[in-house]
Amino acid sequence: MPHTAVPPSSPWLIRISEIFGDALPELLGQFAASSSTQLGHEYYLIRPTDPLALRQTAAAMFIRWQIPVQHSWPCNPRAMLGFVEKAAQALARKFAASQPQMLLVGVLDPSSADTYYRKLASNLRGRALQLFPVPTLAPTEVEAQDPDAATLFCLLGNEGLFCGVQTPRLANGFYPGGTRFISQNAPATISRAGAKVAEALHYLRLHRQPPPPPDHWLELGASPGGMTSELLARGYRVTAVDRAPLHPRLAAAPGLTYVCGDASTFRPPDGTRYAAILSDMNGPAGDSLAAVLRLAKNLLPGGLVIFTLKTAGVSSSEEVQRLCAEVTAWAAGGGLRLLAQTHLTYNRHEFTLFFEAFA
């Protein structure tokens, strides 16, 4: 499939969660960025001396999403007569020959209550697809994309339109801006953790397929049960371990085994094998990982671990990077290979790490 070439001097659009805003100068220094301009809510237009640094330095863990900017139109779309038609024509001229697997348009400020740019993004995508149809995927199949095939991503807002061709895996998300947003406001929601694991499972598809239901998960630090509820709703069997009780709504839930006890001393029944381990335990990262590694011998070959790396008490981005490197090395020594690491919408000062058991 043809790709649009990325000149070495191209600017890059990166997303860094606002929770790490204070560390931005330090991070940009590690990316060797010669300049940066904030766009929208959490996006920055930067010119890295070496674009590979955005993926290969330890600081890359702070980048939620990224694309090379191969077409930009700095303007105020609200004030631009015929913006959609002019922008769509420009996209067709620039990118039709690259044959992207999908064309996706998002907004630079997804947290805004103003729906203007969401509607504009939808209109622009619709008109652009009329000019150069993308034949391989329907509009609803965003997560059916090939993670290693090129997608045309576009973002727009008050600052204008910014576009680039990138594979979802290298962009770090199937969607413009990253992962799929999962609302935590539904009446049945027990805690935000349910949305966090749902988002993690969507993100995982960039690297491998999640275990198929009704596979068995071991969840450590399960209380009050937000993640447990989400896994059960997807048809999984779950053994949930915590000293604190689960939400009463989960009492007698089909597929659930609740163990009231400490994850550090939990012993699975003889012969029990799990498809995946989920750890969102509070406390020092080393203690949480020790519990995971002790139980990883009960994983099936190629079993999955989703591990929340808590960084409470860590004061700088460089300390976070060192902690992540230490945890990754320790996990490798215990038979777990790092698949990916990212900062999800519902992560605070924490990161989600994905491991796979050595086959």
Protein backbone atom coordinates (compact mmCIF):
# COMPACT_ATOMS: atom_id res chain seq x y z
CA MET A 1 0.00 0.00 0.00
CA PRO A 2 1.53 3.37 -0.96
CA HIS A 3 2.39 5.79 1.83
CA THR A 4 2.95 9.52 1.73
CA ALA A 5 6.62 10.17 2.45
CA VAL A 6 7.50 12.02 5.64
CA PRO A 7 10.27 14.60 5.10
CA PRO A 8 12.79 14.66 7.97
CA SER A 9 11.92 18.30 8.64
CA SER A 10 8.18 17.67 9.05
CA PRO A 11 6.54 18.91 12.23
CA TRP A 12 4.78 16.35 14.42
CA LEU A 13 1.52 16.63 16.28
CA ILE A 14 1.75 14.92 19.67
CA ARG A 15 -0.69 14.57 22.54
CA ILE A 16 0.46 14.73 26.15
CA SER A 17 -2.16 14.58 28.91
CA GLU A 18 -2.59 17.85 30.76
CA ILE A 19 -1.80 16.08 34.02
CA PHE A 20 1.84 16.07 32.86
CA GLY A 21 1.81 19.71 31.76
CA ASP A 22 4.41 20.71 34.34
CA ALA A 23 6.86 18.19 32.88
CA LEU A 24 6.44 19.40 29.31
CA PRO A 25 9.71 21.41 29.05
CA GLU A 26 11.64 18.43 30.40
CA LEU A 27 9.94 16.06 27.97
CA LEU A 28 10.47 18.30 24.96
CA GLY A 29 14.16 18.43 25.85
CA GLN A 30 14.31 14.63 25.78
CA PHE A 31 12.60 14.64 22.39
CA ALA A 32 15.20 17.16 21.16
CA ALA A 33 12.37 19.37 19.89
CA SER A 34 13.54 22.69 18.46
CA SER A 35 10.14 24.36 18.91
CA SER A 36 6.65 23.67 20.17
CA THR A 37 3.23 25.28 19.79
CA GLN A 38 0.23 24.23 21.84
CA LEU A 39 -2.87 23.39 19.82
CA GLY A 40 -6.23 22.76 21.38
CA HIS A 41 -6.38 21.13 24.79
CA GLU A 42 -3.51 18.62 25.00
CA TYR A 43 -1.82 18.77 21.60
CA TYR A 44 1.55 20.20 20.67
CA LEU A 45 3.04 20.90 17.27
CA ILE A 46 6.76 20.20 17.61
CA ARG A 47 9.83 19.83 15.38
CA PRO A 48 11.98 17.02 16.79
CA THR A 49 15.58 16.85 15.66
CA ASP A 50 15.14 13.09 15.34
CA PRO A 51 11.50 11.87 14.98
CA LEU A 52 12.55 8.39 16.14
CA ALA A 53 13.04 9.90 19.60
CA LEU A 54 9.25 10.17 19.84
CA ARG A 55 9.09 6.37 19.95
CA GLN A 56 12.48 5.19 21.12
CA THR A 57 13.34 7.37 24.12
CA ALA A 58 12.08 6.52 27.58
CA ALA A 59 10.06 9.75 27.55
CA ALA A 60 7.92 8.34 24.72
CA MET A 61 5.69 6.74 27.38
CA PHE A 62 4.21 10.21 28.00
CA ILE A 63 3.01 10.61 24.39
CA ARG A 64 -0.57 9.40 24.10
CA TRP A 65 -0.76 9.84 20.34
CA GLN A 66 1.31 11.23 17.45
CA ILE A 67 1.32 11.83 13.69
CA PRO A 68 3.63 13.56 11.23
CA VAL A 69 1.94 16.71 9.95
CA GLN A 70 2.01 16.37 6.16
CA HIS A 71 -0.75 18.89 5.52
CA SER A 72 -1.79 21.85 7.65
CA TRP A 73 -4.11 24.77 7.13
CA PRO A 74 -3.68 27.30 9.94
CA CYS A 75 -6.95 29.21 9.88
CA ASN A 76 -10.13 29.88 11.80
CA PRO A 77 -12.61 27.40 10.29
CA ARG A 78 -15.58 29.23 11.81
CA ALA A 79 -14.69 32.33 9.81
CA MET A 80 -13.73 30.50 6.61
CA LEU A 81 -16.43 30.48 3.93
CA GLY A 82 -16.63 27.05 2.30
CA PHE A 83 -14.12 25.50 4.71
CA VAL A 84 -15.39 21.92 4.33
CA GLU A 85 -15.26 21.93 0.53
CA LYS A 86 -11.86 23.63 0.33
CA ALA A 87 -10.37 21.35 2.98
CA ALA A 88 -11.82 18.19 1.40
CA GLN A 89 -10.46 19.14 -2.02
CA ALA A 90 -7.03 19.72 -0.49
CA LEU A 91 -7.10 16.31 1.23
CA ALA A 92 -8.03 14.62 -2.03
CA ARG A 93 -5.17 16.29 -3.89
CA LYS A 94 -2.65 15.54 -1.16
CA PHE A 95 -3.59 12.08 0.07
CA ALA A 96 -5.75 10.16 -2.43
CA ALA A 97 -2.68 8.58 -4.05
CA SER A 98 -1.46 7.27 -0.68
CA GLN A 99 -4.50 4.94 -0.53
CA PRO A 100 -5.08 5.04 3.23
CA GLN A 101 -7.08 2.20 4.74
CA MET A 102 -9.29 4.76 6.49
CA LEU A 103 -9.85 8.52 6.74
CA LEU A 104 -10.63 9.77 10.25
CA VAL A 105 -11.24 13.31 11.45
CA GLY A 106 -11.23 14.38 15.10
CA VAL A 107 -11.09 17.57 17.16
CA LEU A 108 -8.23 19.31 18.94
CA ASP A 109 -10.30 19.93 22.08
CA PRO A 110 -12.39 16.81 22.75
CA SER A 111 -13.24 18.03 26.25
CA SER A 112 -15.14 21.07 24.93
CA ALA A 113 -18.90 21.19 25.39
CA ASP A 114 -19.15 23.11 22.09
CA THR A 115 -20.23 20.62 19.42
CA TYR A 116 -19.33 22.86 16.48
CA TYR A 117 -16.05 21.18 15.64
CA ARG A 118 -17.41 17.67 16.12
CA LYS A 119 -20.07 18.41 13.51
CA LEU A 120 -17.50 20.06 11.27
CA ALA A 121 -15.23 17.02 11.57
CA SER A 122 -18.08 14.71 10.56
CA ASN A 123 -18.98 16.92 7.59
CA LEU A 124 -15.36 17.14 6.43
CA ARG A 125 -14.91 13.38 6.62
CA GLY A 126 -18.12 12.77 4.69
CA ARG A 127 -17.21 15.18 1.90
CA ALA A 128 -13.61 13.92 1.64
CA LEU A 129 -14.84 10.34 1.31
CA GLN A 130 -17.03 11.44 -1.59
CA LEU A 131 -13.92 12.74 -3.35
CA PHE A 132 -11.71 9.72 -2.65
CA PRO A 133 -13.63 6.78 -1.19
CA VAL A 134 -11.78 4.46 1.16
CA PRO A 135 -12.92 0.98 0.04
CA THR A 136 -11.55 -1.32 2.73
CA LEU A 137 -13.48 -0.38 5.87
CA ALA A 138 -16.89 0.99 6.79
CA PRO A 139 -17.11 4.10 9.00
CA THR A 140 -18.09 2.00 12.03
CA GLU A 141 -15.06 -0.30 11.78
CA VAL A 142 -12.41 1.93 13.32
CA GLU A 143 -10.98 -0.86 15.48
CA ALA A 144 -11.03 -3.29 12.54
CA GLN A 145 -8.15 -1.36 10.98
CA ASP A 146 -4.90 -3.16 10.30
CA PRO A 147 -2.64 -1.69 13.01
CA ASP A 148 0.28 -1.72 10.57
CA ALA A 149 -1.45 -0.19 7.53
CA ALA A 150 -1.60 3.54 6.83
CA THR A 151 -4.52 5.66 8.00
CA LEU A 152 -5.14 9.33 7.21
CA PHE A 153 -5.69 11.09 10.54
CA CYS A 154 -6.94 14.69 10.68
CA LEU A 155 -7.55 16.99 13.65
CA LEU A 156 -9.22 20.38 13.55
CA GLY A 157 -10.10 23.21 15.90
CA ASN A 158 -9.81 26.94 16.34
CA GLU A 159 -6.19 26.74 15.19
CA GLY A 160 -7.02 25.10 11.85
CA LEU A 161 -6.60 21.68 10.25
CA PHE A 162 -3.64 19.30 10.77
CA CYS A 163 -3.32 15.99 8.91
CA GLY A 164 -0.90 13.13 8.41
CA VAL A 165 -0.65 9.50 7.31
CA GLN A 166 0.45 7.09 10.00
CA THR A 167 -0.23 3.48 11.00
CA PRO A 168 -2.49 3.16 14.06
CA ARG A 169 0.24 1.28 15.93
CA LEU A 170 2.83 4.02 15.38
CA ALA A 171 0.23 6.70 16.09
CA ASN A 172 -0.61 4.84 19.35
CA GLY A 173 -4.33 4.69 18.72
CA PHE A 174 -7.02 3.68 16.23
CA TYR A 175 -8.83 6.99 16.69
CA PRO A 176 -7.74 10.57 15.98
CA GLY A 177 -6.08 11.59 19.23
CA GLY A 178 -5.66 8.10 20.66
CA THR A 179 -8.02 5.64 22.29
CA ARG A 180 -11.77 5.30 22.29
CA PHE A 181 -13.44 7.39 24.99
CA ILE A 182 -15.60 5.26 27.29
CA SER A 183 -18.20 7.14 29.33
CA GLN A 184 -18.26 6.38 33.07
CA ASN A 185 -21.60 8.10 33.68
CA ALA A 186 -23.93 5.21 32.90
CA PRO A 187 -26.30 4.30 35.78
CA ALA A 188 -24.79 0.82 36.01
CA THR A 189 -21.23 2.12 36.46
CA ILE A 190 -19.62 1.01 39.72
CA SER A 191 -16.41 3.03 39.37
CA ARG A 192 -14.26 4.76 36.74
CA ALA A 193 -12.03 1.68 36.74
CA GLY A 194 -14.58 -0.08 34.54
CA ALA A 195 -14.10 2.52 31.83
CA LYS A 196 -10.34 2.26 32.29
CA VAL A 197 -10.19 -1.48 31.60
CA ALA A 198 -12.65 -1.11 28.70
CA GLU A 199 -10.37 1.49 27.14
CA ALA A 200 -7.35 -0.73 27.81
CA LEU A 201 -8.97 -3.63 25.95
CA HIS A 202 -9.68 -1.40 22.95
CA TYR A 203 -6.07 -0.19 22.99
CA LEU A 204 -4.75 -3.75 23.27
CA ARG A 205 -6.03 -4.49 19.74
CA LEU A 206 -3.17 -2.39 18.40
CA HIS A 207 -0.81 -5.15 19.54
CA ARG A 208 -2.84 -8.38 19.82
CA GLN A 209 -6.38 -9.59 20.23
CA PRO A 210 -7.81 -9.75 23.76
CA PRO A 211 -8.58 -13.20 25.19
CA PRO A 212 -11.90 -14.51 23.87
CA PRO A 213 -14.84 -14.90 26.26
CA PRO A 214 -15.50 -16.92 28.35
CA ASP A 215 -11.77 -17.12 29.20
CA HIS A 216 -10.79 -16.84 32.86
CA TRP A 217 -9.29 -13.63 34.32
CA LEU A 218 -7.58 -13.20 37.69
CA GLU A 219 -8.12 -9.69 39.04
CA LEU A 220 -5.92 -8.44 41.88
CA GLY A 221 -7.13 -5.48 43.93
CA ALA A 222 -10.65 -5.76 42.57
CA SER A 223 -12.71 -3.69 45.07
CA PRO A 224 -15.18 -2.07 44.57
CA GLY A 225 -15.63 -4.00 41.31
CA GLY A 226 -15.67 -1.52 38.43
CA MET A 227 -13.22 -3.57 36.37
CA THR A 228 -14.83 -6.82 37.52
CA SER A 229 -18.21 -5.63 36.28
CA GLU A 230 -16.78 -4.66 32.89
CA LEU A 231 -15.06 -8.02 32.40
CA LEU A 232 -18.22 -9.92 33.40
CA ALA A 233 -20.29 -7.82 31.00
CA ARG A 234 -17.95 -8.92 28.20
CA GLY A 235 -18.65 -12.56 28.98
CA TYR A 236 -15.47 -13.43 30.87
CA ARG A 237 -15.13 -15.54 34.00
CA VAL A 238 -13.40 -13.59 36.78
CA THR A 239 -11.70 -14.52 40.02
CA ALA A 240 -11.57 -11.22 41.94
CA VAL A 241 -9.21 -10.92 44.91
CA ASP A 242 -9.31 -8.11 47.47
CA ARG A 243 -9.44 -7.63 51.23
CA ALA A 244 -12.27 -5.13 50.73
CA PRO A 245 -15.72 -6.25 49.58
CA LEU A 246 -17.11 -5.88 46.08
CA HIS A 247 -20.14 -3.74 45.31
CA PRO A 248 -23.40 -5.42 46.41
CA ARG A 249 -24.58 -5.27 42.81
CA LEU A 250 -22.04 -8.00 42.02
CA ALA A 251 -23.37 -10.45 44.61
CA ALA A 252 -23.98 -13.83 42.97
CA ALA A 253 -22.98 -12.45 39.56
CA PRO A 254 -22.67 -15.30 37.03
CA GLY A 255 -19.07 -16.11 36.19
CA LEU A 256 -17.64 -14.40 39.30
CA THR A 257 -15.58 -15.95 42.10
CA TYR A 258 -14.79 -13.46 44.86
CA VAL A 259 -11.88 -14.19 47.21
CA CYS A 260 -11.71 -12.01 50.32
CA GLY A 261 -8.01 -11.85 51.03
CA ASP A 262 -4.65 -10.30 50.27
CA ALA A 263 -3.34 -10.61 46.71
CA SER A 264 0.16 -11.17 48.08
CA THR A 265 -0.88 -14.42 49.77
CA PHE A 266 -3.62 -15.66 47.42
CA ARG A 267 -3.09 -19.22 46.17
CA PRO A 268 -5.14 -20.41 43.17
CA PRO A 269 -6.65 -23.89 43.39
CA ASP A 270 -4.36 -26.61 42.06
CA GLY A 271 -4.42 -26.84 38.27
CA THR A 272 -6.06 -23.44 37.75
CA ARG A 273 -4.85 -21.59 34.65
CA TYR A 274 -5.77 -18.04 33.69
CA ALA A 275 -5.90 -16.39 30.28
CA ALA A 276 -5.10 -13.01 31.83
CA ILE A 277 -4.17 -11.21 35.04
CA LEU A 278 -5.45 -7.71 35.75
CA SER A 279 -3.72 -5.64 38.44
CA ASP A 280 -4.91 -2.20 39.51
CA MET A 281 -3.61 -2.47 43.07
CA ASN A 282 -2.66 0.58 45.09
CA GLY A 283 0.68 0.83 46.83
CA PRO A 284 4.29 0.61 45.66
CA ALA A 285 4.71 -0.67 42.11
CA GLY A 286 7.26 -3.24 43.25
CA ASP A 287 4.85 -4.84 45.70
CA SER A 288 2.09 -5.04 43.08
CA LEU A 289 4.41 -6.54 40.49
CA ALA A 290 5.72 -9.09 42.99
CA ALA A 291 2.17 -10.38 43.46
CA VAL A 292 1.65 -10.53 39.69
CA LEU A 293 4.91 -12.40 39.05
CA ARG A 294 4.19 -14.92 41.79
CA LEU A 295 0.87 -15.74 40.11
CA ALA A 296 2.09 -15.49 36.51
CA LYS A 297 3.05 -19.18 36.61
CA ASN A 298 -0.69 -19.84 36.51
CA LEU A 299 -1.04 -18.08 33.14
CA LEU A 300 -1.65 -20.05 29.99
CA PRO A 301 1.13 -19.83 27.36
CA GLY A 302 0.91 -16.39 25.79
CA GLY A 303 -1.27 -15.21 28.68
CA LEU A 304 -1.90 -11.50 29.11
CA VAL A 305 -1.13 -9.16 32.01
CA ILE A 306 -2.65 -5.67 32.22
CA PHE A 307 -0.77 -3.83 34.96
CA THR A 308 -1.44 -0.34 36.29
CA LEU A 309 1.89 1.29 37.13
CA LYS A 310 1.20 3.59 40.08
CA THR A 311 3.62 6.50 40.43
CA ALA A 312 2.53 8.04 43.72
CA GLY A 313 5.49 9.67 45.44
CA VAL A 314 7.51 9.92 42.22
CA SER A 315 8.28 13.58 41.66
CA SER A 316 9.70 13.92 38.13
CA SER A 317 9.17 12.48 34.67
CA GLU A 318 12.69 11.04 34.70
CA GLU A 319 11.92 9.16 37.93
CA VAL A 320 8.75 7.80 36.29
CA GLN A 321 10.82 6.61 33.35
CA ARG A 322 13.32 4.89 35.65
CA LEU A 323 10.53 3.22 37.61
CA CYS A 324 8.95 1.96 34.38
CA ALA A 325 12.30 0.60 33.16
CA GLU A 326 12.87 -1.19 36.48
CA VAL A 327 9.39 -2.74 36.45
CA THR A 328 9.77 -3.83 32.82
CA ALA A 329 13.15 -5.44 33.49
CA TRP A 330 11.86 -7.21 36.59
CA ALA A 331 8.82 -8.48 34.68
CA ALA A 332 11.07 -9.81 31.89
CA GLY A 333 13.07 -11.72 34.49
CA GLY A 334 9.81 -13.27 35.65
CA GLY A 335 8.77 -14.42 32.20
CA LEU A 336 6.68 -11.45 31.04
CA ARG A 337 7.44 -9.58 27.81
CA LEU A 338 6.35 -5.94 27.52
CA LEU A 339 3.87 -5.46 24.66
CA ALA A 340 3.09 -1.78 25.14
CA GLN A 341 2.68 1.00 27.66
CA THR A 342 0.42 4.02 27.48
CA HIS A 343 -1.46 6.69 29.41
CA LEU A 344 -5.21 6.17 29.12
CA THR A 345 -8.03 8.69 29.49
CA TYR A 346 -8.86 7.52 33.02
CA ASN A 347 -5.26 7.15 34.16
CA ARG A 348 -4.15 9.85 36.53
CA HIS A 349 -0.51 9.78 37.71
CA GLU A 350 -0.28 6.20 36.49
CA PHE A 351 0.33 4.25 33.31
CA THR A 352 -1.11 1.05 31.88
CA LEU A 353 1.45 -1.62 30.93
CA PHE A 354 0.62 -4.68 28.82
CA PHE A 355 2.69 -7.85 29.20
CA GLU A 356 2.55 -11.26 27.56
CA ALA A 357 3.79 -14.48 29.13
CA PHE A 358 6.63 -16.15 27.27
CA ALA A 359 5.17 -19.07 25.33
